[in-house]
């Protein structure tokens, strides 16, 4: 005790200073926690805003995502196959599809399908250009 008196350190003042520092650190941690929670909430809102809710009904035409293509990727291969016809939709997201020729049905996860946007109108040729050979230049004699 005589060493502390000699150095002129007050124990009560040091304890009070330490408690103040601990309180400030706890307040800083609480503020950081609140900031992180607000950031997560904002990012969740932005993410969910971009998600489109897709509802499928019986008779809809859909495309099926080919997940096996990831194992053997091809530059020009389409990742979507189909179109398939929706036979039934279960309440938990499973969708029963029918093949194009109507011979078989199978169930898939609803996240693997997307609506098929087809053109219902007739296709017609609007304009046709005939490509001609380039003009040949006769050799000159000198």
N, C-alpha and C. Protein backbone atom coordinates (compact mmCIF):
# COMPACT_ATOMS: atom_id res chain seq x y z
N UNK A 1 0.82 -1.18 0.00
CA UNK A 1 0.00 0.00 0.00
C UNK A 1 0.86 1.25 0.00
N UNK A 2 1.98 1.15 0.67
CA UNK A 2 2.84 2.32 0.73
C UNK A 2 3.40 2.68 -0.64
N UNK A 3 3.49 1.61 -1.59
CA UNK A 3 4.01 1.89 -2.93
C UNK A 3 3.00 2.70 -3.74
N UNK A 4 1.71 2.41 -3.56
CA UNK A 4 0.70 3.16 -4.27
C UNK A 4 0.63 4.60 -3.77
N UNK A 5 0.79 4.76 -2.47
CA UNK A 5 0.81 6.12 -1.92
C UNK A 5 2.02 6.89 -2.43
N UNK A 6 3.09 6.12 -2.60
CA UNK A 6 4.31 6.75 -3.06
C UNK A 6 4.16 7.22 -4.50
N UNK A 7 3.44 6.41 -5.34
CA UNK A 7 3.24 6.78 -6.74
C UNK A 7 2.06 7.75 -6.91
N UNK A 8 1.37 8.02 -5.84
CA UNK A 8 0.25 8.97 -5.82
C UNK A 8 -0.88 8.50 -6.75
N UNK A 9 -1.26 7.20 -6.61
CA UNK A 9 -2.36 6.65 -7.39
C UNK A 9 -3.53 6.43 -6.44
N UNK A 10 -4.69 6.93 -6.85
CA UNK A 10 -5.89 6.78 -6.05
C UNK A 10 -6.64 5.55 -6.55
N UNK A 11 -6.85 4.55 -5.71
CA UNK A 11 -7.51 3.30 -6.11
C UNK A 11 -8.96 3.54 -6.51
N UNK A 12 -9.65 4.38 -5.84
CA UNK A 12 -11.07 4.64 -6.15
C UNK A 12 -11.20 5.33 -7.51
N UNK A 13 -10.31 6.25 -7.79
CA UNK A 13 -10.35 6.95 -9.08
C UNK A 13 -10.02 6.00 -10.23
N UNK A 14 -9.05 5.09 -10.04
CA UNK A 14 -8.68 4.11 -11.07
C UNK A 14 -9.83 3.14 -11.32
N UNK A 15 -10.51 2.72 -10.26
CA UNK A 15 -11.64 1.82 -10.39
C UNK A 15 -12.79 2.51 -11.14
N UNK A 16 -13.04 3.75 -10.83
CA UNK A 16 -14.09 4.52 -11.49
C UNK A 16 -13.78 4.71 -12.98
N UNK A 17 -12.53 4.99 -13.32
CA UNK A 17 -12.11 5.16 -14.70
C UNK A 17 -12.29 3.85 -15.47
N UNK A 18 -11.91 2.72 -14.82
CA UNK A 18 -12.03 1.41 -15.47
C UNK A 18 -13.51 1.06 -15.73
N UNK A 19 -14.38 1.35 -14.78
CA UNK A 19 -15.81 1.09 -14.94
C UNK A 19 -16.38 1.94 -16.08
N UNK A 20 -15.92 3.17 -16.20
CA UNK A 20 -16.39 4.04 -17.28
C UNK A 20 -15.96 3.47 -18.63
N UNK A 21 -14.72 3.00 -18.71
CA UNK A 21 -14.24 2.41 -19.96
C UNK A 21 -15.02 1.14 -20.33
N UNK A 22 -15.34 0.31 -19.36
CA UNK A 22 -16.12 -0.90 -19.61
C UNK A 22 -17.53 -0.56 -20.09
N UNK A 23 -18.13 0.45 -19.49
CA UNK A 23 -19.46 0.88 -19.91
C UNK A 23 -19.45 1.42 -21.34
N UNK A 24 -18.42 2.19 -21.68
CA UNK A 24 -18.29 2.72 -23.03
C UNK A 24 -18.11 1.59 -24.04
N UNK A 25 -17.32 0.57 -23.69
CA UNK A 25 -17.11 -0.56 -24.58
C UNK A 25 -18.40 -1.35 -24.77
N UNK A 26 -19.16 -1.56 -23.70
CA UNK A 26 -20.43 -2.27 -23.80
C UNK A 26 -21.42 -1.49 -24.66
N UNK A 27 -21.44 -0.17 -24.52
CA UNK A 27 -22.31 0.68 -25.34
C UNK A 27 -21.91 0.62 -26.81
N UNK A 28 -20.61 0.60 -27.08
CA UNK A 28 -20.12 0.48 -28.46
C UNK A 28 -20.53 -0.85 -29.08
N UNK A 29 -20.42 -1.95 -28.32
CA UNK A 29 -20.81 -3.27 -28.82
C UNK A 29 -22.31 -3.31 -29.10
N UNK A 30 -23.11 -2.71 -28.24
CA UNK A 30 -24.55 -2.67 -28.43
C UNK A 30 -24.90 -1.89 -29.69
N UNK A 31 -24.22 -0.76 -29.92
CA UNK A 31 -24.45 0.03 -31.12
C UNK A 31 -24.06 -0.75 -32.38
N UNK A 32 -22.94 -1.48 -32.34
CA UNK A 32 -22.51 -2.30 -33.49
C UNK A 32 -23.52 -3.41 -33.76
N UNK A 33 -24.06 -4.04 -32.71
CA UNK A 33 -25.05 -5.09 -32.88
C UNK A 33 -26.32 -4.54 -33.53
N UNK A 34 -26.77 -3.38 -33.08
CA UNK A 34 -27.97 -2.76 -33.67
C UNK A 34 -27.73 -2.39 -35.13
N UNK A 35 -26.55 -1.88 -35.45
CA UNK A 35 -26.23 -1.53 -36.83
C UNK A 35 -26.23 -2.76 -37.73
N UNK A 36 -25.65 -3.86 -37.24
CA UNK A 36 -25.62 -5.09 -38.03
C UNK A 36 -27.04 -5.63 -38.24
N UNK A 37 -27.88 -5.54 -37.22
CA UNK A 37 -29.26 -6.02 -37.36
C UNK A 37 -30.02 -5.17 -38.38
N UNK A 38 -29.83 -3.86 -38.36
CA UNK A 38 -30.50 -2.98 -39.33
C UNK A 38 -29.99 -3.27 -40.74
N UNK A 39 -28.69 -3.51 -40.90
CA UNK A 39 -28.12 -3.82 -42.21
C UNK A 39 -28.71 -5.12 -42.76
N UNK A 40 -28.79 -6.15 -41.91
CA UNK A 40 -29.35 -7.43 -42.35
C UNK A 40 -30.81 -7.26 -42.77
N UNK A 41 -31.55 -6.46 -42.03
CA UNK A 41 -32.95 -6.24 -42.36
C UNK A 41 -33.11 -5.53 -43.70
N UNK A 42 -32.27 -4.54 -43.95
CA UNK A 42 -32.33 -3.83 -45.24
C UNK A 42 -31.94 -4.74 -46.39
N UNK A 43 -30.89 -5.54 -46.23
CA UNK A 43 -30.46 -6.45 -47.28
C UNK A 43 -31.51 -7.52 -47.56
N UNK A 44 -32.19 -8.00 -46.52
CA UNK A 44 -33.25 -8.97 -46.70
C UNK A 44 -34.39 -8.36 -47.50
N UNK A 45 -34.74 -7.12 -47.21
CA UNK A 45 -35.81 -6.43 -47.94
C UNK A 45 -35.45 -6.28 -49.41
N UNK A 46 -34.21 -5.87 -49.70
CA UNK A 46 -33.76 -5.69 -51.08
C UNK A 46 -33.77 -7.02 -51.82
N UNK A 47 -33.30 -8.08 -51.16
CA UNK A 47 -33.25 -9.40 -51.79
C UNK A 47 -34.65 -9.92 -52.09
N UNK A 48 -35.56 -9.81 -51.11
CA UNK A 48 -36.91 -10.31 -51.30
C UNK A 48 -37.69 -9.49 -52.31
N UNK A 49 -37.32 -8.23 -52.49
CA UNK A 49 -37.98 -7.38 -53.47
C UNK A 49 -37.69 -7.87 -54.89
N UNK A 50 -36.51 -8.47 -55.10
CA UNK A 50 -36.13 -8.95 -56.42
C UNK A 50 -36.71 -10.32 -56.75
N UNK A 51 -37.15 -11.06 -55.75
CA UNK A 51 -37.69 -12.40 -55.97
C UNK A 51 -39.11 -12.27 -56.50
N UNK A 52 -39.35 -12.91 -57.62
CA UNK A 52 -40.68 -12.91 -58.21
C UNK A 52 -41.42 -14.17 -57.79
N UNK A 53 -42.63 -14.00 -57.32
CA UNK A 53 -43.43 -15.16 -56.93
C UNK A 53 -44.03 -15.78 -58.18
N UNK A 54 -43.75 -17.05 -58.40
CA UNK A 54 -44.25 -17.74 -59.57
C UNK A 54 -45.34 -18.71 -59.14
N UNK A 55 -46.49 -18.56 -59.73
CA UNK A 55 -47.59 -19.46 -59.45
C UNK A 55 -47.91 -20.24 -60.72
N UNK A 56 -48.02 -21.55 -60.57
CA UNK A 56 -48.31 -22.42 -61.69
C UNK A 56 -49.69 -23.03 -61.52
N UNK A 57 -50.40 -23.16 -62.62
CA UNK A 57 -51.73 -23.76 -62.62
C UNK A 57 -51.72 -24.95 -63.58
N UNK A 58 -52.69 -25.82 -63.40
CA UNK A 58 -52.81 -26.97 -64.30
C UNK A 58 -53.03 -26.49 -65.72
N UNK A 59 -52.31 -27.07 -66.64
CA UNK A 59 -52.43 -26.70 -68.05
C UNK A 59 -51.39 -25.71 -68.52
N UNK A 60 -50.63 -25.09 -67.62
CA UNK A 60 -49.58 -24.15 -68.01
C UNK A 60 -48.44 -24.88 -68.70
N UNK A 61 -47.78 -24.20 -69.60
CA UNK A 61 -46.57 -24.74 -70.22
C UNK A 61 -45.36 -24.17 -69.49
N UNK A 62 -44.42 -25.05 -69.15
CA UNK A 62 -43.24 -24.65 -68.38
C UNK A 62 -41.99 -25.24 -69.01
N UNK A 63 -40.85 -24.63 -68.68
CA UNK A 63 -39.54 -25.17 -69.03
C UNK A 63 -38.90 -25.72 -67.78
N UNK A 64 -38.15 -26.82 -67.91
CA UNK A 64 -37.50 -27.48 -66.79
C UNK A 64 -36.00 -27.23 -66.83
N UNK A 65 -35.42 -26.82 -65.70
CA UNK A 65 -33.99 -26.57 -65.61
C UNK A 65 -33.25 -27.89 -65.58
N UNK A 66 -32.24 -28.03 -66.43
CA UNK A 66 -31.45 -29.25 -66.51
C UNK A 66 -30.24 -29.11 -65.61
N UNK A 67 -30.33 -29.64 -64.39
CA UNK A 67 -29.24 -29.47 -63.42
C UNK A 67 -28.05 -30.36 -63.74
N UNK A 68 -28.23 -31.40 -64.55
CA UNK A 68 -27.10 -32.28 -64.90
C UNK A 68 -26.14 -31.62 -65.86
N UNK A 69 -26.60 -30.54 -66.49
CA UNK A 69 -25.74 -29.85 -67.44
C UNK A 69 -24.56 -29.18 -66.74
N UNK A 70 -24.68 -28.93 -65.43
CA UNK A 70 -23.58 -28.32 -64.69
C UNK A 70 -22.37 -29.26 -64.62
N UNK A 71 -22.64 -30.57 -64.66
CA UNK A 71 -21.54 -31.53 -64.59
C UNK A 71 -20.76 -31.58 -65.90
N UNK A 72 -21.47 -31.48 -67.02
CA UNK A 72 -20.84 -31.50 -68.33
C UNK A 72 -21.26 -30.25 -69.09
N UNK A 73 -20.67 -29.12 -68.76
CA UNK A 73 -21.15 -27.87 -69.38
C UNK A 73 -20.81 -27.80 -70.86
N UNK A 74 -21.70 -27.22 -71.59
CA UNK A 74 -21.49 -26.97 -73.00
C UNK A 74 -21.76 -25.52 -73.26
N UNK A 75 -20.95 -24.94 -74.09
CA UNK A 75 -21.07 -23.50 -74.30
C UNK A 75 -22.40 -23.12 -74.91
N UNK A 76 -22.87 -23.88 -75.87
CA UNK A 76 -24.08 -23.53 -76.58
C UNK A 76 -25.29 -24.38 -76.19
N UNK A 77 -25.13 -25.25 -75.19
CA UNK A 77 -26.25 -26.08 -74.77
C UNK A 77 -27.20 -25.26 -73.91
N UNK A 78 -28.47 -25.44 -74.12
CA UNK A 78 -29.46 -24.74 -73.32
C UNK A 78 -29.61 -25.45 -71.98
N UNK A 79 -29.77 -24.68 -70.93
CA UNK A 79 -29.95 -25.25 -69.60
C UNK A 79 -31.40 -25.60 -69.33
N UNK A 80 -32.29 -25.22 -70.23
CA UNK A 80 -33.72 -25.44 -70.04
C UNK A 80 -34.23 -26.41 -71.09
N UNK A 81 -35.05 -27.37 -70.68
CA UNK A 81 -35.64 -28.32 -71.61
C UNK A 81 -37.16 -28.20 -71.52
N UNK A 82 -37.81 -28.60 -72.60
CA UNK A 82 -39.26 -28.53 -72.57
C UNK A 82 -39.81 -27.99 -73.86
N UNK A 83 -40.98 -27.57 -73.94
CA UNK A 83 -41.92 -27.26 -72.85
C UNK A 83 -42.65 -28.51 -72.35
N UNK A 84 -43.04 -28.46 -71.07
CA UNK A 84 -43.82 -29.50 -70.43
C UNK A 84 -45.14 -28.89 -69.97
N UNK A 85 -46.14 -29.75 -69.83
CA UNK A 85 -47.45 -29.31 -69.40
C UNK A 85 -47.62 -29.62 -67.91
N UNK A 86 -48.11 -28.65 -67.14
CA UNK A 86 -48.34 -28.86 -65.70
C UNK A 86 -49.62 -29.67 -65.53
N UNK A 87 -49.51 -30.80 -64.81
CA UNK A 87 -50.67 -31.65 -64.55
C UNK A 87 -51.31 -31.23 -63.23
N UNK A 88 -50.48 -31.14 -62.16
CA UNK A 88 -51.00 -30.74 -60.86
C UNK A 88 -49.90 -30.04 -60.06
N UNK A 89 -50.34 -29.24 -59.10
CA UNK A 89 -49.41 -28.50 -58.24
C UNK A 89 -49.76 -28.84 -56.80
N UNK A 90 -48.76 -29.31 -56.04
CA UNK A 90 -49.01 -29.61 -54.62
C UNK A 90 -48.82 -28.34 -53.80
N UNK A 91 -49.38 -28.31 -52.59
CA UNK A 91 -49.29 -27.08 -51.79
C UNK A 91 -47.87 -26.75 -51.31
N UNK A 92 -46.95 -27.71 -51.31
CA UNK A 92 -45.61 -27.45 -50.80
C UNK A 92 -44.57 -27.26 -51.90
N UNK A 93 -45.00 -27.06 -53.14
CA UNK A 93 -44.08 -26.68 -54.20
C UNK A 93 -43.72 -27.76 -55.20
N UNK A 94 -44.13 -28.99 -54.98
CA UNK A 94 -43.85 -30.03 -55.96
C UNK A 94 -44.84 -29.89 -57.11
N UNK A 95 -44.33 -30.05 -58.33
CA UNK A 95 -45.16 -29.89 -59.51
C UNK A 95 -45.08 -31.17 -60.34
N UNK A 96 -46.23 -31.65 -60.76
CA UNK A 96 -46.26 -32.84 -61.61
C UNK A 96 -46.35 -32.38 -63.06
N UNK A 97 -45.39 -32.82 -63.86
CA UNK A 97 -45.30 -32.41 -65.26
C UNK A 97 -45.61 -33.58 -66.18
N UNK A 98 -46.08 -33.25 -67.37
CA UNK A 98 -46.36 -34.25 -68.39
C UNK A 98 -45.46 -33.96 -69.58
N UNK A 99 -44.89 -34.99 -70.17
CA UNK A 99 -43.99 -34.80 -71.31
C UNK A 99 -44.76 -34.28 -72.51
N UNK A 100 -44.01 -33.82 -73.51
CA UNK A 100 -44.63 -33.20 -74.68
C UNK A 100 -45.59 -34.13 -75.42
N UNK A 101 -45.20 -35.40 -75.52
CA UNK A 101 -46.07 -36.34 -76.23
C UNK A 101 -47.17 -36.92 -75.35
N UNK A 102 -47.14 -36.62 -74.05
CA UNK A 102 -48.20 -37.06 -73.14
C UNK A 102 -48.07 -38.49 -72.67
N UNK A 103 -46.91 -39.11 -72.86
CA UNK A 103 -46.75 -40.52 -72.50
C UNK A 103 -46.39 -40.72 -71.03
N UNK A 104 -45.67 -39.80 -70.44
CA UNK A 104 -45.25 -40.02 -69.05
C UNK A 104 -45.39 -38.74 -68.24
N UNK A 105 -45.57 -38.92 -66.93
CA UNK A 105 -45.63 -37.80 -66.00
C UNK A 105 -44.57 -38.01 -64.93
N UNK A 106 -44.07 -36.92 -64.38
CA UNK A 106 -43.05 -36.99 -63.33
C UNK A 106 -43.17 -35.75 -62.46
N UNK A 107 -42.68 -35.87 -61.22
CA UNK A 107 -42.74 -34.76 -60.27
C UNK A 107 -41.37 -34.10 -60.15
N UNK A 108 -41.39 -32.76 -60.05
CA UNK A 108 -40.15 -32.01 -59.88
C UNK A 108 -40.38 -30.93 -58.84
N UNK A 109 -39.29 -30.37 -58.36
CA UNK A 109 -39.35 -29.25 -57.44
C UNK A 109 -39.80 -28.01 -58.20
N UNK A 110 -40.67 -27.21 -57.60
CA UNK A 110 -41.20 -26.03 -58.27
C UNK A 110 -40.17 -24.97 -58.55
N UNK A 111 -39.01 -25.02 -57.88
CA UNK A 111 -37.96 -24.04 -58.12
C UNK A 111 -37.18 -24.35 -59.39
N UNK A 112 -37.37 -25.52 -59.96
CA UNK A 112 -36.64 -25.92 -61.17
C UNK A 112 -37.39 -25.59 -62.45
N UNK A 113 -38.56 -24.99 -62.36
CA UNK A 113 -39.34 -24.71 -63.55
C UNK A 113 -39.62 -23.21 -63.67
N UNK A 114 -39.84 -22.79 -64.90
CA UNK A 114 -40.24 -21.40 -65.16
C UNK A 114 -41.27 -21.42 -66.28
N UNK A 115 -42.06 -20.37 -66.35
CA UNK A 115 -43.11 -20.28 -67.36
C UNK A 115 -42.50 -20.27 -68.77
N UNK A 116 -43.17 -20.94 -69.68
CA UNK A 116 -42.76 -20.98 -71.08
C UNK A 116 -43.55 -19.91 -71.82
N UNK A 117 -42.85 -18.96 -72.39
CA UNK A 117 -43.48 -17.89 -73.13
C UNK A 117 -43.40 -18.22 -74.61
N UNK A 118 -44.49 -18.66 -75.17
CA UNK A 118 -44.48 -19.06 -76.57
C UNK A 118 -45.16 -17.99 -77.42
N UNK A 119 -44.87 -18.05 -78.71
CA UNK A 119 -45.54 -17.15 -79.64
C UNK A 119 -46.75 -17.90 -80.18
N UNK A 120 -47.92 -17.32 -79.99
CA UNK A 120 -49.13 -18.00 -80.43
C UNK A 120 -49.52 -17.61 -81.84
N UNK A 121 -48.96 -16.52 -82.35
CA UNK A 121 -49.31 -16.07 -83.69
C UNK A 121 -48.60 -16.88 -84.76
N UNK A 122 -49.04 -16.68 -86.00
CA UNK A 122 -48.42 -17.39 -87.12
C UNK A 122 -47.08 -16.74 -87.44
N UNK A 123 -46.17 -17.58 -87.84
CA UNK A 123 -44.88 -17.06 -88.28
C UNK A 123 -44.95 -16.82 -89.77
N UNK A 124 -44.50 -15.68 -90.18
CA UNK A 124 -44.51 -15.37 -91.61
C UNK A 124 -43.22 -14.67 -91.99
N UNK A 125 -42.86 -14.85 -93.21
CA UNK A 125 -41.65 -14.23 -93.73
C UNK A 125 -41.96 -12.79 -94.09
N UNK A 126 -41.23 -11.88 -93.52
CA UNK A 126 -41.51 -10.47 -93.75
C UNK A 126 -40.82 -9.98 -95.02
N UNK A 127 -39.54 -10.24 -95.12
CA UNK A 127 -38.80 -9.76 -96.28
C UNK A 127 -37.66 -10.72 -96.55
N UNK A 128 -37.39 -10.94 -97.80
CA UNK A 128 -36.34 -11.88 -98.16
C UNK A 128 -35.38 -11.19 -99.11
N UNK A 129 -34.10 -11.33 -98.82
CA UNK A 129 -33.06 -10.76 -99.68
C UNK A 129 -32.32 -11.88 -100.36
N UNK A 130 -32.07 -11.71 -101.64
CA UNK A 130 -31.28 -12.69 -102.37
C UNK A 130 -29.84 -12.22 -102.38
N UNK A 131 -28.94 -13.08 -102.01
CA UNK A 131 -27.52 -12.75 -102.01
C UNK A 131 -26.94 -13.10 -103.36
N UNK A 132 -26.30 -12.16 -103.98
CA UNK A 132 -25.69 -12.38 -105.29
C UNK A 132 -24.19 -12.51 -105.12
N UNK A 133 -23.59 -13.17 -106.10
CA UNK A 133 -22.14 -13.28 -106.08
C UNK A 133 -21.54 -11.90 -106.31
N UNK A 134 -20.36 -11.72 -105.75
CA UNK A 134 -19.70 -10.42 -105.95
C UNK A 134 -19.26 -10.32 -107.41
N UNK A 135 -19.27 -9.12 -107.96
CA UNK A 135 -18.90 -8.96 -109.37
C UNK A 135 -17.42 -9.35 -109.57
N UNK A 136 -17.20 -10.08 -110.65
CA UNK A 136 -15.83 -10.50 -110.94
C UNK A 136 -15.16 -9.44 -111.79
N UNK A 137 -13.93 -9.21 -111.53
CA UNK A 137 -13.18 -8.22 -112.28
C UNK A 137 -12.33 -8.97 -113.32
N UNK A 138 -12.52 -8.59 -114.57
CA UNK A 138 -11.76 -9.24 -115.64
C UNK A 138 -10.32 -8.77 -115.58
N UNK A 139 -9.40 -9.70 -115.80
CA UNK A 139 -7.99 -9.28 -115.79
C UNK A 139 -7.69 -8.39 -117.00
N UNK A 140 -6.91 -7.41 -116.77
CA UNK A 140 -6.53 -6.49 -117.84
C UNK A 140 -5.21 -6.94 -118.45
N UNK A 141 -5.08 -6.75 -119.73
CA UNK A 141 -3.84 -7.10 -120.41
C UNK A 141 -3.13 -5.83 -120.84
N UNK A 142 -1.92 -5.76 -120.58
CA UNK A 142 -1.17 -4.59 -120.98
C UNK A 142 0.00 -4.99 -121.81
